[in-house]
N, C-alpha and C. Protein backbone atom coordinates (compact mmCIF):
# COMPACT_ATOMS: atom_id res chain seq x y z
N MET A 1 -36.09 43.19 -84.35
CA MET A 1 -36.53 44.11 -85.37
C MET A 1 -38.02 44.40 -85.18
N LYS A 2 -38.37 45.69 -85.14
CA LYS A 2 -39.77 46.08 -84.97
C LYS A 2 -40.52 45.97 -86.29
N THR A 3 -41.74 45.52 -86.17
CA THR A 3 -42.58 45.49 -87.35
C THR A 3 -43.42 46.76 -87.38
N THR A 4 -44.06 47.01 -88.50
CA THR A 4 -44.92 48.18 -88.62
C THR A 4 -46.05 48.11 -87.60
N LYS A 5 -46.49 46.90 -87.31
CA LYS A 5 -47.57 46.69 -86.35
C LYS A 5 -47.21 47.22 -84.96
N ASP A 6 -45.93 47.15 -84.60
CA ASP A 6 -45.49 47.56 -83.27
C ASP A 6 -44.94 48.98 -83.22
N SER A 7 -45.04 49.70 -84.28
CA SER A 7 -44.49 51.06 -84.28
C SER A 7 -45.28 51.94 -83.31
N PRO A 8 -44.64 52.96 -82.77
CA PRO A 8 -45.34 53.84 -81.82
C PRO A 8 -46.63 54.44 -82.39
N SER A 9 -46.60 54.83 -83.65
CA SER A 9 -47.81 55.43 -84.22
C SER A 9 -48.94 54.41 -84.32
N SER A 10 -48.58 53.15 -84.56
CA SER A 10 -49.59 52.10 -84.62
C SER A 10 -50.21 51.88 -83.24
N VAL A 11 -49.39 51.90 -82.21
CA VAL A 11 -49.88 51.72 -80.84
C VAL A 11 -50.78 52.89 -80.46
N VAL A 12 -50.37 54.10 -80.83
CA VAL A 12 -51.18 55.28 -80.53
C VAL A 12 -52.52 55.20 -81.25
N ARG A 13 -52.51 54.79 -82.51
CA ARG A 13 -53.77 54.64 -83.26
C ARG A 13 -54.68 53.62 -82.61
N THR A 14 -54.09 52.50 -82.19
CA THR A 14 -54.88 51.45 -81.55
C THR A 14 -55.50 51.95 -80.24
N LEU A 15 -54.69 52.59 -79.43
CA LEU A 15 -55.21 53.11 -78.15
C LEU A 15 -56.25 54.20 -78.37
N THR A 16 -56.04 55.05 -79.37
CA THR A 16 -57.00 56.10 -79.68
C THR A 16 -58.33 55.50 -80.11
N ALA A 17 -58.27 54.45 -80.92
CA ALA A 17 -59.50 53.78 -81.36
C ALA A 17 -60.21 53.13 -80.18
N GLN A 18 -59.45 52.50 -79.29
CA GLN A 18 -60.05 51.88 -78.11
C GLN A 18 -60.69 52.93 -77.21
N LEU A 19 -60.02 54.05 -77.03
CA LEU A 19 -60.56 55.13 -76.21
C LEU A 19 -61.84 55.68 -76.82
N ALA A 20 -61.85 55.87 -78.12
CA ALA A 20 -63.05 56.36 -78.80
C ALA A 20 -64.22 55.40 -78.60
N GLU A 21 -63.94 54.11 -78.69
CA GLU A 21 -65.00 53.11 -78.49
C GLU A 21 -65.50 53.12 -77.05
N LEU A 22 -64.60 53.23 -76.09
CA LEU A 22 -65.02 53.31 -74.69
C LEU A 22 -65.86 54.54 -74.43
N LYS A 23 -65.48 55.67 -75.01
CA LYS A 23 -66.26 56.90 -74.84
C LYS A 23 -67.64 56.76 -75.46
N ARG A 24 -67.72 56.13 -76.64
CA ARG A 24 -69.01 55.93 -77.29
C ARG A 24 -69.91 55.04 -76.45
N ARG A 25 -69.34 53.94 -75.94
CA ARG A 25 -70.13 53.04 -75.08
C ARG A 25 -70.58 53.74 -73.81
N HIS A 26 -69.71 54.55 -73.24
CA HIS A 26 -70.06 55.30 -72.03
C HIS A 26 -71.22 56.26 -72.32
N ARG A 27 -71.13 57.00 -73.43
CA ARG A 27 -72.23 57.92 -73.79
C ARG A 27 -73.54 57.16 -73.96
N ASP A 28 -73.47 56.01 -74.64
CA ASP A 28 -74.68 55.21 -74.85
C ASP A 28 -75.27 54.73 -73.52
N GLU A 29 -74.41 54.27 -72.62
CA GLU A 29 -74.88 53.80 -71.31
C GLU A 29 -75.48 54.94 -70.49
N VAL A 30 -74.84 56.10 -70.52
CA VAL A 30 -75.36 57.26 -69.79
C VAL A 30 -76.71 57.67 -70.37
N GLN A 31 -76.83 57.68 -71.69
CA GLN A 31 -78.10 58.04 -72.31
C GLN A 31 -79.20 57.05 -71.91
N THR A 32 -78.88 55.76 -71.90
CA THR A 32 -79.85 54.75 -71.50
C THR A 32 -80.28 54.95 -70.05
N LEU A 33 -79.31 55.20 -69.18
CA LEU A 33 -79.64 55.42 -67.76
C LEU A 33 -80.47 56.68 -67.57
N ARG A 34 -80.16 57.74 -68.30
CA ARG A 34 -80.95 58.98 -68.19
C ARG A 34 -82.38 58.76 -68.64
N GLN A 35 -82.55 58.02 -69.73
CA GLN A 35 -83.91 57.72 -70.21
C GLN A 35 -84.68 56.90 -69.18
N ALA A 36 -84.01 55.93 -68.57
CA ALA A 36 -84.66 55.11 -67.54
C ALA A 36 -85.03 55.97 -66.34
N LEU A 37 -84.13 56.88 -65.95
CA LEU A 37 -84.41 57.76 -64.81
C LEU A 37 -85.60 58.67 -65.11
N GLU A 38 -85.64 59.24 -66.31
CA GLU A 38 -86.77 60.09 -66.69
C GLU A 38 -88.08 59.31 -66.63
N SER A 39 -88.05 58.08 -67.11
CA SER A 39 -89.24 57.24 -67.10
C SER A 39 -89.72 56.96 -65.68
N VAL A 40 -88.78 56.62 -64.81
CA VAL A 40 -89.13 56.32 -63.42
C VAL A 40 -89.63 57.57 -62.71
N GLN A 41 -89.00 58.71 -62.96
CA GLN A 41 -89.45 59.95 -62.34
C GLN A 41 -90.86 60.30 -62.81
N SER A 42 -91.13 60.08 -64.08
CA SER A 42 -92.47 60.34 -64.62
C SER A 42 -93.50 59.43 -63.95
N GLU A 43 -93.16 58.16 -63.83
CA GLU A 43 -94.07 57.21 -63.18
C GLU A 43 -94.28 57.59 -61.71
N ASN A 44 -93.22 58.00 -61.04
CA ASN A 44 -93.32 58.43 -59.64
C ASN A 44 -94.27 59.63 -59.52
N LEU A 45 -94.13 60.59 -60.41
CA LEU A 45 -95.00 61.76 -60.38
C LEU A 45 -96.45 61.37 -60.61
N LYS A 46 -96.70 60.48 -61.56
CA LYS A 46 -98.07 60.02 -61.82
C LYS A 46 -98.67 59.35 -60.58
N LEU A 47 -97.87 58.51 -59.94
CA LEU A 47 -98.37 57.82 -58.74
C LEU A 47 -98.65 58.80 -57.60
N ARG A 48 -97.77 59.78 -57.43
CA ARG A 48 -98.00 60.79 -56.38
C ARG A 48 -99.28 61.58 -56.66
N ARG A 49 -99.51 61.90 -57.91
CA ARG A 49 -100.74 62.63 -58.27
C ARG A 49 -101.97 61.78 -58.00
N ARG A 50 -101.87 60.48 -58.27
CA ARG A 50 -103.01 59.58 -58.01
C ARG A 50 -103.30 59.48 -56.51
N LEU A 51 -102.23 59.50 -55.71
CA LEU A 51 -102.42 59.41 -54.26
C LEU A 51 -103.04 60.68 -53.69
N GLY A 52 -102.72 61.79 -54.28
CA GLY A 52 -103.26 63.07 -53.80
C GLY A 52 -102.32 63.75 -52.83
N PRO A 53 -102.62 65.02 -52.53
CA PRO A 53 -101.72 65.83 -51.69
C PRO A 53 -101.58 65.32 -50.26
N ARG A 54 -102.63 64.74 -49.67
CA ARG A 54 -102.51 64.27 -48.28
C ARG A 54 -101.54 63.10 -48.17
N HIS A 55 -101.61 62.18 -49.09
CA HIS A 55 -100.70 61.03 -49.06
C HIS A 55 -99.28 61.46 -49.37
N ALA A 56 -99.11 62.36 -50.31
CA ALA A 56 -97.77 62.84 -50.68
C ALA A 56 -97.10 63.53 -49.51
N ALA A 57 -97.86 64.32 -48.74
CA ALA A 57 -97.30 65.02 -47.58
C ALA A 57 -96.86 64.01 -46.53
N ARG A 58 -97.62 62.94 -46.35
CA ARG A 58 -97.25 61.92 -45.37
C ARG A 58 -95.99 61.16 -45.81
N LEU A 59 -95.85 60.94 -47.10
CA LEU A 59 -94.68 60.22 -47.60
C LEU A 59 -93.41 61.04 -47.45
N GLU A 60 -93.51 62.35 -47.55
CA GLU A 60 -92.33 63.21 -47.49
C GLU A 60 -91.91 63.51 -46.06
N SER A 61 -92.81 63.46 -45.09
CA SER A 61 -92.43 63.76 -43.71
C SER A 61 -91.84 62.52 -43.05
N PRO A 62 -90.86 62.72 -42.15
CA PRO A 62 -90.20 61.57 -41.50
C PRO A 62 -91.08 60.82 -40.54
């Protein structure tokens, strides 16, 4: 005998809630990574400016 807990609608609700949580965590992780990338890119730009155009040209050429 199936209980209410095991009904198909209950399983769908549970999976939907789990999916929503995974999506939320994914969005949070992506946002954190984007912020870190922006910070690193900003720091990289500052360092390149401090080095000047001659050093930057040497770093970019093989």
